[in-house]
Amino acid sequence: MDSTRQLKIARQIQKDLGEIFQLRGMAAYQGALITVSEVRISPDLSVAKIFLSVFPSDKAPEVIAKVEQENKTIRTELGKKVRHQLRIVPELHFFIDETLDKLERIDSLLKK
């Protein structure tokens, strides 16, 4: 069970990362649209799991690899945004959120 502080910090990180990806633009990620769908943060606020939704989904592995390459710069930018809320900027671990793909698959199966 996540504490209230964890949930607040997770929402703030989700909002700030969304802004960071929006400012970088689609061109930085091979024309893919990136959405931060969920953030889960550890109880000690030192590690954040970030789930990214990528459209079109066939570019997801390439985009995640690019985001992982830029992890340090993204973390630095995030640190500038949350410097008044957090003492330590959490480590960022990025994952592909496949919820939309699963929904599409289920929807297509139900239509058959």
PDB file of N, CA and C in Angstrom:
ATOM      1  N   MET A   1       0.832  -1.181   0.000  1.00  0.00           N
ATOM      2  CA  MET A   1       0.000   0.000   0.000  1.00  0.00           C
ATOM      3  C   MET A   1       0.878   1.247   0.000  1.00  0.00           C
ATOM      4  N   ASP A   2       0.657   2.113  -0.949  1.00  0.00           N
ATOM      5  CA  ASP A   2       1.446   3.330  -1.057  1.00  0.00           C
ATOM      6  C   ASP A   2       0.940   4.394  -0.095  1.00  0.00           C
ATOM      7  N   SER A   3       1.890   5.132   0.476  1.00  0.00           N
ATOM      8  CA  SER A   3       1.510   6.208   1.378  1.00  0.00           C
ATOM      9  C   SER A   3       1.030   7.422   0.579  1.00  0.00           C
ATOM     10  N   THR A   4       0.439   8.357   1.278  1.00  0.00           N
ATOM     11  CA  THR A   4      -0.046   9.580   0.629  1.00  0.00           C
ATOM     12  C   THR A   4       1.117  10.345   0.011  1.00  0.00           C
ATOM     13  N   ARG A   5       2.234  10.396   0.714  1.00  0.00           N
ATOM     14  CA  ARG A   5       3.419  11.096   0.188  1.00  0.00           C
ATOM     15  C   ARG A   5       3.905  10.436  -1.095  1.00  0.00           C
ATOM     16  N   GLN A   6       3.971   9.114  -1.118  1.00  0.00           N
ATOM     17  CA  GLN A   6       4.399   8.404  -2.324  1.00  0.00           C
ATOM     18  C   GLN A   6       3.485   8.755  -3.503  1.00  0.00           C
ATOM     19  N   LEU A   7       2.185   8.757  -3.259  1.00  0.00           N
ATOM     20  CA  LEU A   7       1.242   9.062  -4.334  1.00  0.00           C
ATOM     21  C   LEU A   7       1.401  10.482  -4.835  1.00  0.00           C
ATOM     22  N   LYS A   8       1.603  11.429  -3.928  1.00  0.00           N
ATOM     23  CA  LYS A   8       1.790  12.827  -4.326  1.00  0.00           C
ATOM     24  C   LYS A   8       3.065  13.006  -5.147  1.00  0.00           C
ATOM     25  N   ILE A   9       4.145  12.397  -4.680  1.00  0.00           N
ATOM     26  CA  ILE A   9       5.420  12.494  -5.395  1.00  0.00           C
ATOM     27  C   ILE A   9       5.309  11.819  -6.758  1.00  0.00           C
ATOM     28  N   ALA A  10       4.650  10.678  -6.823  1.00  0.00           N
ATOM     29  CA  ALA A  10       4.478   9.960  -8.097  1.00  0.00           C
ATOM     30  C   ALA A  10       3.690  10.816  -9.087  1.00  0.00           C
ATOM     31  N   ARG A  11       2.630  11.470  -8.623  1.00  0.00           N
ATOM     32  CA  ARG A  11       1.843  12.340  -9.510  1.00  0.00           C
ATOM     33  C   ARG A  11       2.672  13.517 -10.006  1.00  0.00           C
ATOM     34  N   GLN A  12       3.483  14.090  -9.112  1.00  0.00           N
ATOM     35  CA  GLN A  12       4.322  15.226  -9.496  1.00  0.00           C
ATOM     36  C   GLN A  12       5.366  14.806 -10.532  1.00  0.00           C
ATOM     37  N   ILE A  13       5.988  13.659 -10.325  1.00  0.00           N
ATOM     38  CA  ILE A  13       6.985  13.159 -11.274  1.00  0.00           C
ATOM     39  C   ILE A  13       6.323  12.862 -12.613  1.00  0.00           C
ATOM     40  N   GLN A  14       5.129  12.268 -12.593  1.00  0.00           N
ATOM     41  CA  GLN A  14       4.406  11.977 -13.830  1.00  0.00           C
ATOM     42  C   GLN A  14       4.133  13.262 -14.606  1.00  0.00           C
ATOM     43  N   LYS A  15       3.680  14.292 -13.935  1.00  0.00           N
ATOM     44  CA  LYS A  15       3.380  15.579 -14.566  1.00  0.00           C
ATOM     45  C   LYS A  15       4.651  16.207 -15.141  1.00  0.00           C
ATOM     46  N   ASP A  16       5.721  16.229 -14.342  1.00  0.00           N
ATOM     47  CA  ASP A  16       6.961  16.862 -14.785  1.00  0.00           C
ATOM     48  C   ASP A  16       7.624  16.102 -15.930  1.00  0.00           C
ATOM     49  N   LEU A  17       7.615  14.775 -15.881  1.00  0.00           N
ATOM     50  CA  LEU A  17       8.186  13.997 -16.985  1.00  0.00           C
ATOM     51  C   LEU A  17       7.367  14.187 -18.258  1.00  0.00           C
ATOM     52  N   GLY A  18       6.052  14.281 -18.126  1.00  0.00           N
ATOM     53  CA  GLY A  18       5.203  14.556 -19.285  1.00  0.00           C
ATOM     54  C   GLY A  18       5.590  15.861 -19.951  1.00  0.00           C
ATOM     55  N   GLU A  19       5.846  16.883 -19.144  1.00  0.00           N
ATOM     56  CA  GLU A  19       6.278  18.173 -19.684  1.00  0.00           C
ATOM     57  C   GLU A  19       7.640  18.069 -20.357  1.00  0.00           C
ATOM     58  N   ILE A  20       8.541  17.309 -19.749  1.00  0.00           N
ATOM     59  CA  ILE A  20       9.884  17.140 -20.324  1.00  0.00           C
ATOM     60  C   ILE A  20       9.794  16.475 -21.697  1.00  0.00           C
ATOM     61  N   PHE A  21       9.022  15.392 -21.798  1.00  0.00           N
ATOM     62  CA  PHE A  21       8.882  14.704 -23.091  1.00  0.00           C
ATOM     63  C   PHE A  21       8.169  15.587 -24.110  1.00  0.00           C
ATOM     64  N   GLN A  22       7.226  16.396 -23.660  1.00  0.00           N
ATOM     65  CA  GLN A  22       6.508  17.290 -24.562  1.00  0.00           C
ATOM     66  C   GLN A  22       7.450  18.369 -25.104  1.00  0.00           C
ATOM     67  N   LEU A  23       8.301  18.919 -24.243  1.00  0.00           N
ATOM     68  CA  LEU A  23       9.239  19.952 -24.691  1.00  0.00           C
ATOM     69  C   LEU A  23      10.289  19.400 -25.653  1.00  0.00           C
ATOM     70  N   ARG A  24      10.695  18.162 -25.437  1.00  0.00           N
ATOM     71  CA  ARG A  24      11.674  17.547 -26.338  1.00  0.00           C
ATOM     72  C   ARG A  24      11.079  17.300 -27.722  1.00  0.00           C
ATOM     73  N   GLY A  25       9.791  17.055 -27.775  1.00  0.00           N
ATOM     74  CA  GLY A  25       9.107  16.890 -29.051  1.00  0.00           C
ATOM     75  C   GLY A  25       9.189  15.494 -29.622  1.00  0.00           C
ATOM     76  N   MET A  26       8.330  15.264 -30.602  1.00  0.00           N
ATOM     77  CA  MET A  26       8.249  13.954 -31.243  1.00  0.00           C
ATOM     78  C   MET A  26       9.480  13.664 -32.094  1.00  0.00           C
ATOM     79  N   ALA A  27      10.107  14.695 -32.625  1.00  0.00           N
ATOM     80  CA  ALA A  27      11.261  14.499 -33.498  1.00  0.00           C
ATOM     81  C   ALA A  27      12.426  13.843 -32.758  1.00  0.00           C
ATOM     82  N   ALA A  28      12.547  14.107 -31.472  1.00  0.00           N
ATOM     83  CA  ALA A  28      13.639  13.524 -30.686  1.00  0.00           C
ATOM     84  C   ALA A  28      13.487  12.018 -30.532  1.00  0.00           C
ATOM     85  N   TYR A  29      12.277  11.505 -30.725  1.00  0.00           N
ATOM     86  CA  TYR A  29      12.011  10.074 -30.529  1.00  0.00           C
ATOM     87  C   TYR A  29      11.420   9.437 -31.783  1.00  0.00           C
ATOM     88  N   GLN A  30      12.023   9.673 -32.917  1.00  0.00           N
ATOM     89  CA  GLN A  30      11.644   9.084 -34.215  1.00  0.00           C
ATOM     90  C   GLN A  30      10.173   9.310 -34.551  1.00  0.00           C
ATOM     91  N   GLY A  31       9.634  10.462 -34.187  1.00  0.00           N
ATOM     92  CA  GLY A  31       8.252  10.782 -34.528  1.00  0.00           C
ATOM     93  C   GLY A  31       7.209  10.067 -33.692  1.00  0.00           C
ATOM     94  N   ALA A  32       7.616   9.495 -32.569  1.00  0.00           N
ATOM     95  CA  ALA A  32       6.676   8.785 -31.709  1.00  0.00           C
ATOM     96  C   ALA A  32       6.151   9.726 -30.627  1.00  0.00           C
ATOM     97  N   LEU A  33       4.912   9.518 -30.253  1.00  0.00           N
ATOM     98  CA  LEU A  33       4.286  10.276 -29.189  1.00  0.00           C
ATOM     99  C   LEU A  33       4.433   9.492 -27.894  1.00  0.00           C
ATOM    100  N   ILE A  34       5.003  10.143 -26.873  1.00  0.00           N
ATOM    101  CA  ILE A  34       5.251   9.478 -25.593  1.00  0.00           C
ATOM    102  C   ILE A  34       4.320  10.055 -24.534  1.00  0.00           C
ATOM    103  N   THR A  35       3.668   9.156 -23.801  1.00  0.00           N
ATOM    104  CA  THR A  35       2.813   9.547 -22.694  1.00  0.00           C
ATOM    105  C   THR A  35       3.285   8.819 -21.445  1.00  0.00           C
ATOM    106  N   VAL A  36       3.417   9.548 -20.355  1.00  0.00           N
ATOM    107  CA  VAL A  36       3.769   8.924 -19.084  1.00  0.00           C
ATOM    108  C   VAL A  36       2.465   8.443 -18.464  1.00  0.00           C
ATOM    109  N   SER A  37       2.223   7.140 -18.542  1.00  0.00           N
ATOM    110  CA  SER A  37       0.928   6.602 -18.105  1.00  0.00           C
ATOM    111  C   SER A  37       0.865   6.313 -16.614  1.00  0.00           C
ATOM    112  N   GLU A  38       2.001   5.956 -16.010  1.00  0.00           N
ATOM    113  CA  GLU A  38       1.995   5.641 -14.581  1.00  0.00           C
ATOM    114  C   GLU A  38       3.389   5.791 -14.004  1.00  0.00           C
ATOM    115  N   VAL A  39       3.448   6.198 -12.756  1.00  0.00           N
ATOM    116  CA  VAL A  39       4.709   6.268 -12.017  1.00  0.00           C
ATOM    117  C   VAL A  39       4.496   5.575 -10.686  1.00  0.00           C
ATOM    118  N   ARG A  40       5.399   4.662 -10.361  1.00  0.00           N
ATOM    119  CA  ARG A  40       5.379   3.984  -9.060  1.00  0.00           C
ATOM    120  C   ARG A  40       6.702   4.319  -8.379  1.00  0.00           C
ATOM    121  N   ILE A  41       6.608   4.752  -7.143  1.00  0.00           N
ATOM    122  CA  ILE A  41       7.816   5.159  -6.429  1.00  0.00           C
ATOM    123  C   ILE A  41       8.009   4.284  -5.190  1.00  0.00           C
ATOM    124  N   SER A  42       9.258   3.988  -4.878  1.00  0.00           N
ATOM    125  CA  SER A  42       9.562   3.122  -3.732  1.00  0.00           C
ATOM    126  C   SER A  42       9.244   3.864  -2.428  1.00  0.00           C
ATOM    127  N   PRO A  43       9.050   3.118  -1.343  1.00  0.00           N
ATOM    128  CA  PRO A  43       8.715   3.756  -0.061  1.00  0.00           C
ATOM    129  C   PRO A  43       9.746   4.772   0.426  1.00  0.00           C
ATOM    130  N   ASP A  44      11.024   4.558   0.101  1.00  0.00           N
ATOM    131  CA  ASP A  44      12.047   5.521   0.523  1.00  0.00           C
ATOM    132  C   ASP A  44      12.278   6.630  -0.509  1.00  0.00           C
ATOM    133  N   LEU A  45      11.456   6.665  -1.550  1.00  0.00           N
ATOM    134  CA  LEU A  45      11.480   7.698  -2.606  1.00  0.00           C
ATOM    135  C   LEU A  45      12.794   7.745  -3.382  1.00  0.00           C
ATOM    136  N   SER A  46      13.513   6.621  -3.446  1.00  0.00           N
ATOM    137  CA  SER A  46      14.800   6.617  -4.134  1.00  0.00           C
ATOM    138  C   SER A  46      14.748   6.009  -5.536  1.00  0.00           C
ATOM    139  N   VAL A  47      13.697   5.257  -5.834  1.00  0.00           N
ATOM    140  CA  VAL A  47      13.576   4.607  -7.143  1.00  0.00           C
ATOM    141  C   VAL A  47      12.172   4.835  -7.685  1.00  0.00           C
ATOM    142  N   ALA A  48      12.114   5.255  -8.943  1.00  0.00           N
ATOM    143  CA  ALA A  48      10.813   5.467  -9.590  1.00  0.00           C
ATOM    144  C   ALA A  48      10.725   4.585 -10.828  1.00  0.00           C
ATOM    145  N   LYS A  49       9.643   3.818 -10.924  1.00  0.00           N
ATOM    146  CA  LYS A  49       9.365   3.037 -12.124  1.00  0.00           C
ATOM    147  C   LYS A  49       8.396   3.854 -12.960  1.00  0.00           C
ATOM    148  N   ILE A  50       8.819   4.184 -14.182  1.00  0.00           N
ATOM    149  CA  ILE A  50       8.009   5.013 -15.065  1.00  0.00           C
ATOM    150  C   ILE A  50       7.526   4.155 -16.218  1.00  0.00           C
ATOM    151  N   PHE A  51       6.200   4.125 -16.403  1.00  0.00           N
ATOM    152  CA  PHE A  51       5.596   3.364 -17.481  1.00  0.00           C
ATOM    153  C   PHE A  51       5.213   4.332 -18.591  1.00  0.00           C
ATOM    154  N   LEU A  52       5.782   4.096 -19.785  1.00  0.00           N
ATOM    155  CA  LEU A  52       5.557   4.967 -20.925  1.00  0.00           C
ATOM    156  C   LEU A  52       4.671   4.290 -21.953  1.00  0.00           C
ATOM    157  N   SER A  53       3.712   5.031 -22.440  1.00  0.00           N
ATOM    158  CA  SER A  53       2.872   4.571 -23.535  1.00  0.00           C
ATOM    159  C   SER A  53       3.384   5.253 -24.798  1.00  0.00           C
ATOM    160  N   VAL A  54       3.681   4.464 -25.820  1.00  0.00           N
ATOM    161  CA  VAL A  54       4.277   4.992 -27.052  1.00  0.00           C
ATOM    162  C   VAL A  54       3.318   4.756 -28.211  1.00  0.00           C
ATOM    163  N   PHE A  55       3.099   5.813 -28.990  1.00  0.00           N
ATOM    164  CA  PHE A  55       2.264   5.699 -30.195  1.00  0.00           C
ATOM    165  C   PHE A  55       3.065   6.189 -31.375  1.00  0.00           C
ATOM    166  N   PRO A  56       3.218   5.437 -32.429  1.00  0.00           N
ATOM    167  CA  PRO A  56       2.728   4.086 -32.688  1.00  0.00           C
ATOM    168  C   PRO A  56       3.521   3.053 -31.886  1.00  0.00           C
ATOM    169  N   SER A  57       2.834   2.010 -31.483  1.00  0.00           N
ATOM    170  CA  SER A  57       3.416   1.031 -30.559  1.00  0.00           C
ATOM    171  C   SER A  57       4.542   0.200 -31.170  1.00  0.00           C
ATOM    172  N   ASP A  58       4.626   0.156 -32.504  1.00  0.00           N
ATOM    173  CA  ASP A  58       5.715  -0.623 -33.110  1.00  0.00           C
ATOM    174  C   ASP A  58       7.076   0.045 -32.910  1.00  0.00           C
ATOM    175  N   LYS A  59       7.097   1.329 -32.550  1.00  0.00           N
ATOM    176  CA  LYS A  59       8.358   2.032 -32.295  1.00  0.00           C
ATOM    177  C   LYS A  59       8.763   1.981 -30.827  1.00  0.00           C
ATOM    178  N   ALA A  60       7.970   1.335 -29.998  1.00  0.00           N
ATOM    179  CA  ALA A  60       8.197   1.340 -28.550  1.00  0.00           C
ATOM    180  C   ALA A  60       9.585   0.856 -28.124  1.00  0.00           C
ATOM    181  N   PRO A  61      10.089  -0.277 -28.630  1.00  0.00           N
ATOM    182  CA  PRO A  61      11.420  -0.719 -28.185  1.00  0.00           C
ATOM    183  C   PRO A  61      12.526   0.288 -28.520  1.00  0.00           C
ATOM    184  N   GLU A  62      12.441   0.900 -29.707  1.00  0.00           N
ATOM    185  CA  GLU A  62      13.452   1.890 -30.092  1.00  0.00           C
ATOM    186  C   GLU A  62      13.368   3.120 -29.203  1.00  0.00           C
ATOM    187  N   VAL A  63      12.148   3.558 -28.910  1.00  0.00           N
ATOM    188  CA  VAL A  63      11.947   4.754 -28.096  1.00  0.00           C
ATOM    189  C   VAL A  63      12.437   4.513 -26.669  1.00  0.00           C
ATOM    190  N   ILE A  64      12.118   3.362 -26.105  1.00  0.00           N
ATOM    191  CA  ILE A  64      12.564   3.052 -24.737  1.00  0.00           C
ATOM    192  C   ILE A  64      14.088   3.004 -24.686  1.00  0.00           C
ATOM    193  N   ALA A  65      14.718   2.435 -25.712  1.00  0.00           N
ATOM    194  CA  ALA A  65      16.183   2.398 -25.761  1.00  0.00           C
ATOM    195  C   ALA A  65      16.757   3.815 -25.795  1.00  0.00           C
ATOM    196  N   LYS A  66      16.143   4.696 -26.572  1.00  0.00           N
ATOM    197  CA  LYS A  66      16.586   6.089 -26.672  1.00  0.00           C
ATOM    198  C   LYS A  66      16.398   6.809 -25.335  1.00  0.00           C
ATOM    199  N   VAL A  67      15.262   6.576 -24.683  1.00  0.00           N
ATOM    200  CA  VAL A  67      14.988   7.202 -23.393  1.00  0.00           C
ATOM    201  C   VAL A  67      15.991   6.705 -22.345  1.00  0.00           C
ATOM    202  N   GLU A  68      16.301   5.411 -22.360  1.00  0.00           N
ATOM    203  CA  GLU A  68      17.292   4.858 -21.432  1.00  0.00           C
ATOM    204  C   GLU A  68      18.669   5.471 -21.665  1.00  0.00           C
ATOM    205  N   GLN A  69      19.003   5.737 -22.929  1.00  0.00           N
ATOM    206  CA  GLN A  69      20.278   6.389 -23.256  1.00  0.00           C
ATOM    207  C   GLN A  69      20.344   7.779 -22.643  1.00  0.00           C
ATOM    208  N   GLU A  70      19.223   8.470 -22.648  1.00  0.00           N
ATOM    209  CA  GLU A  70      19.165   9.850 -22.161  1.00  0.00           C
ATOM    210  C   GLU A  70      18.728   9.930 -20.703  1.00  0.00           C
ATOM    211  N   ASN A  71      18.800   8.826 -19.988  1.00  0.00           N
ATOM    212  CA  ASN A  71      18.309   8.749 -18.618  1.00  0.00           C
ATOM    213  C   ASN A  71      18.934   9.826 -17.725  1.00  0.00           C
ATOM    214  N   LYS A  72      20.247  10.027 -17.834  1.00  0.00           N
ATOM    215  CA  LYS A  72      20.929  11.009 -16.984  1.00  0.00           C
ATOM    216  C   LYS A  72      20.434  12.423 -17.248  1.00  0.00           C
ATOM    217  N   THR A  73      20.285  12.792 -18.511  1.00  0.00           N
ATOM    218  CA  THR A  73      19.836  14.151 -18.820  1.00  0.00           C
ATOM    219  C   THR A  73      18.377  14.353 -18.422  1.00  0.00           C
ATOM    220  N   ILE A  74      17.552  13.321 -18.594  1.00  0.00           N
ATOM    221  CA  ILE A  74      16.145  13.412 -18.186  1.00  0.00           C
ATOM    222  C   ILE A  74      16.067  13.561 -16.670  1.00  0.00           C
ATOM    223  N   ARG A  75      16.889  12.799 -15.952  1.00  0.00           N
ATOM    224  CA  ARG A  75      16.899  12.888 -14.484  1.00  0.00           C
ATOM    225  C   ARG A  75      17.367  14.271 -14.031  1.00  0.00           C
ATOM    226  N   THR A  76      18.339  14.852 -14.732  1.00  0.00           N
ATOM    227  CA  THR A  76      18.813  16.195 -14.408  1.00  0.00           C
ATOM    228  C   THR A  76      17.707  17.224 -14.614  1.00  0.00           C
ATOM    229  N   GLU A  77      17.007  17.127 -15.746  1.00  0.00           N
ATOM    230  CA  GLU A  77      15.902  18.043 -16.012  1.00  0.00           C
ATOM    231  C   GLU A  77      14.800  17.889 -14.963  1.00  0.00           C
ATOM    232  N   LEU A  78      14.512  16.652 -14.586  1.00  0.00           N
ATOM    233  CA  LEU A  78      13.511  16.401 -13.548  1.00  0.00           C
ATOM    234  C   LEU A  78      13.966  17.000 -12.217  1.00  0.00           C
ATOM    235  N   GLY A  79      15.241  16.882 -11.923  1.00  0.00           N
ATOM    236  CA  GLY A  79      15.790  17.442 -10.691  1.00  0.00           C
ATOM    237  C   GLY A  79      15.607  18.946 -10.606  1.00  0.00           C
ATOM    238  N   LYS A  80      15.737  19.627 -11.734  1.00  0.00           N
ATOM    239  CA  LYS A  80      15.525  21.079 -11.759  1.00  0.00           C
ATOM    240  C   LYS A  80      14.076  21.433 -11.454  1.00  0.00           C
ATOM    241  N   LYS A  81      13.152  20.562 -11.869  1.00  0.00           N
ATOM    242  CA  LYS A  81      11.735  20.838 -11.663  1.00  0.00           C
ATOM    243  C   LYS A  81      11.271  20.504 -10.235  1.00  0.00           C
ATOM    244  N   VAL A  82      11.852  19.485  -9.623  1.00  0.00           N
ATOM    245  CA  VAL A  82      11.383  19.046  -8.300  1.00  0.00           C
ATOM    246  C   VAL A  82      12.361  19.399  -7.178  1.00  0.00           C
ATOM    247  N   ARG A  83      13.281  20.296  -7.430  1.00  0.00           N
ATOM    248  CA  ARG A  83      14.321  20.582  -6.438  1.00  0.00           C
ATOM    249  C   ARG A  83      13.772  21.138  -5.122  1.00  0.00           C
ATOM    250  N   HIS A  84      12.597  21.771  -5.150  1.00  0.00           N
ATOM    251  CA  HIS A  84      12.027  22.306  -3.919  1.00  0.00           C
ATOM    252  C   HIS A  84      11.150  21.290  -3.187  1.00  0.00           C
ATOM    253  N   GLN A  85      10.753  20.219  -3.879  1.00  0.00           N
ATOM    254  CA  GLN A  85       9.895  19.212  -3.252  1.00  0.00           C
ATOM    255  C   GLN A  85      10.680  18.015  -2.705  1.00  0.00           C
ATOM    256  N   LEU A  86      11.788  17.681  -3.362  1.00  0.00           N
ATOM    257  CA  LEU A  86      12.541  16.477  -2.995  1.00  0.00           C
ATOM    258  C   LEU A  86      13.996  16.798  -2.696  1.00  0.00           C
ATOM    259  N   ARG A  87      14.552  16.102  -1.710  1.00  0.00           N
ATOM    260  CA  ARG A  87      15.976  16.250  -1.439  1.00  0.00           C
ATOM    261  C   ARG A  87      16.802  15.463  -2.448  1.00  0.00           C
ATOM    262  N   ILE A  88      16.337  14.258  -2.747  1.00  0.00           N
ATOM    263  CA  ILE A  88      17.057  13.377  -3.669  1.00  0.00           C
ATOM    264  C   ILE A  88      16.145  13.083  -4.857  1.00  0.00           C
ATOM    265  N   VAL A  89      16.680  13.237  -6.063  1.00  0.00           N
ATOM    266  CA  VAL A  89      15.915  12.883  -7.264  1.00  0.00           C
ATOM    267  C   VAL A  89      16.013  11.366  -7.413  1.00  0.00           C
ATOM    268  N   PRO A  90      14.878  10.679  -7.521  1.00  0.00           N
ATOM    269  CA  PRO A  90      14.925   9.211  -7.587  1.00  0.00           C
ATOM    270  C   PRO A  90      15.576   8.698  -8.869  1.00  0.00           C
ATOM    271  N   GLU A  91      16.119   7.482  -8.775  1.00  0.00           N
ATOM    272  CA  GLU A  91      16.603   6.796  -9.976  1.00  0.00           C
ATOM    273  C   GLU A  91      15.395   6.527 -10.856  1.00  0.00           C
ATOM    274  N   LEU A  92      15.571   6.656 -12.162  1.00  0.00           N
ATOM    275  CA  LEU A  92      14.457   6.459 -13.084  1.00  0.00           C
ATOM    276  C   LEU A  92      14.655   5.155 -13.848  1.00  0.00           C
ATOM    277  N   HIS A  93      13.645   4.306 -13.801  1.00  0.00           N
ATOM    278  CA  HIS A  93      13.639   3.061 -14.568  1.00  0.00           C
ATOM    279  C   HIS A  93      12.415   3.105 -15.477  1.00  0.00           C
ATOM    280  N   PHE A  94      12.653   2.997 -16.793  1.00  0.00           N
ATOM    281  CA  PHE A  94      11.576   3.141 -17.759  1.00  0.00           C
ATOM    282  C   PHE A  94      11.109   1.782 -18.270  1.00  0.00           C
ATOM    283  N   PHE A  95       9.780   1.649 -18.414  1.00  0.00           N
ATOM    284  CA  PHE A  95       9.160   0.429 -18.900  1.00  0.00           C
ATOM    285  C   PHE A  95       8.090   0.787 -19.926  1.00  0.00           C
ATOM    286  N   ILE A  96       7.800  -0.142 -20.821  1.00  0.00           N
ATOM    287  CA  ILE A  96       6.739   0.053 -21.810  1.00  0.00           C
ATOM    288  C   ILE A  96       5.410  -0.317 -21.159  1.00  0.00           C
ATOM    289  N   ASP A  97       4.433   0.565 -21.285  1.00  0.00           N
ATOM    290  CA  ASP A  97       3.089   0.283 -20.793  1.00  0.00           C
ATOM    291  C   ASP A  97       2.302  -0.327 -21.951  1.00  0.00           C
ATOM    292  N   GLU A  98       1.941  -1.580 -21.823  1.00  0.00           N
ATOM    293  CA  GLU A  98       1.269  -2.299 -22.903  1.00  0.00           C
ATOM    294  C   GLU A  98      -0.234  -2.389 -22.697  1.00  0.00           C
ATOM    295  N   THR A  99      -0.775  -1.565 -21.832  1.00  0.00           N
ATOM    296  CA  THR A  99      -2.208  -1.603 -21.528  1.00  0.00           C
ATOM    297  C   THR A  99      -3.052  -1.341 -22.763  1.00  0.00           C
ATOM    298  N   LEU A 100      -2.674  -0.322 -23.551  1.00  0.00           N
ATOM    299  CA  LEU A 100      -3.460   0.008 -24.743  1.00  0.00           C
ATOM    300  C   LEU A 100      -3.428  -1.112 -25.779  1.00  0.00           C
ATOM    301  N   ASP A 101      -2.277  -1.746 -25.925  1.00  0.00           N
ATOM    302  CA  ASP A 101      -2.180  -2.870 -26.863  1.00  0.00           C
ATOM    303  C   ASP A 101      -3.080  -4.025 -26.426  1.00  0.00           C
ATOM    304  N   LYS A 102      -3.099  -4.297 -25.136  1.00  0.00           N
ATOM    305  CA  LYS A 102      -3.951  -5.371 -24.614  1.00  0.00           C
ATOM    306  C   LYS A 102      -5.426  -5.035 -24.814  1.00  0.00           C
ATOM    307  N   LEU A 103      -5.783  -3.761 -24.590  1.00  0.00           N
ATOM    308  CA  LEU A 103      -7.169  -3.344 -24.801  1.00  0.00           C
ATOM    309  C   LEU A 103      -7.591  -3.509 -26.256  1.00  0.00           C
ATOM    310  N   GLU A 104      -6.708  -3.122 -27.176  1.00  0.00           N
ATOM    311  CA  GLU A 104      -7.018  -3.276 -28.598  1.00  0.00           C
ATOM    312  C   GLU A 104      -7.185  -4.746 -28.969  1.00  0.00           C
ATOM    313  N   ARG A 105      -6.317  -5.595 -28.432  1.00  0.00           N
ATOM    314  CA  ARG A 105      -6.395  -7.030 -28.705  1.00  0.00           C
ATOM    315  C   ARG A 105      -7.702  -7.614 -28.184  1.00  0.00           C
ATOM    316  N   ILE A 106      -8.077  -7.251 -26.968  1.00  0.00           N
ATOM    317  CA  ILE A 106      -9.327  -7.737 -26.390  1.00  0.00           C
ATOM    318  C   ILE A 106     -10.514  -7.233 -27.185  1.00  0.00           C
ATOM    319  N   ASP A 107     -10.474  -5.959 -27.571  1.00  0.00           N
ATOM    320  CA  ASP A 107     -11.567  -5.369 -28.340  1.00  0.00           C
ATOM    321  C   ASP A 107     -11.744  -6.063 -29.691  1.00  0.00           C
ATOM    322  N   SER A 108     -10.626  -6.356 -30.354  1.00  0.00           N
ATOM    323  CA  SER A 108     -10.716  -7.036 -31.648  1.00  0.00           C
ATOM    324  C   SER A 108     -11.252  -8.459 -31.492  1.00  0.00           C
ATOM    325  N   LEU A 109     -10.857  -9.134 -30.397  1.00  0.00           N
ATOM    326  CA  LEU A 109     -11.373 -10.480 -30.140  1.00  0.00           C
ATOM    327  C   LEU A 109     -12.875 -10.459 -29.850  1.00  0.00           C
ATOM    328  N   LEU A 110     -13.310  -9.460 -29.129  1.00  0.00           N
ATOM    329  CA  LEU A 110     -14.730  -9.356 -28.815  1.00  0.00           C
ATOM    330  C   LEU A 110     -15.575  -9.028 -30.053  1.00  0.00           C
ATOM    331  N   LYS A 111     -15.008  -8.296 -30.979  1.00  0.00           N
ATOM    332  CA  LYS A 111     -15.739  -7.961 -32.203  1.00  0.00           C
ATOM    333  C   LYS A 111     -15.906  -9.169 -33.114  1.00  0.00           C
ATOM    334  N   LYS A 112     -15.000 -10.142 -32.995  1.00  0.00           N
ATOM    335  CA  LYS A 112     -15.099 -11.354 -33.821  1.00  0.00           C
ATOM    336  C   LYS A 112     -16.180 -12.196 -33.289  1.00  0.00           C
TER     337      LYS A 112
END
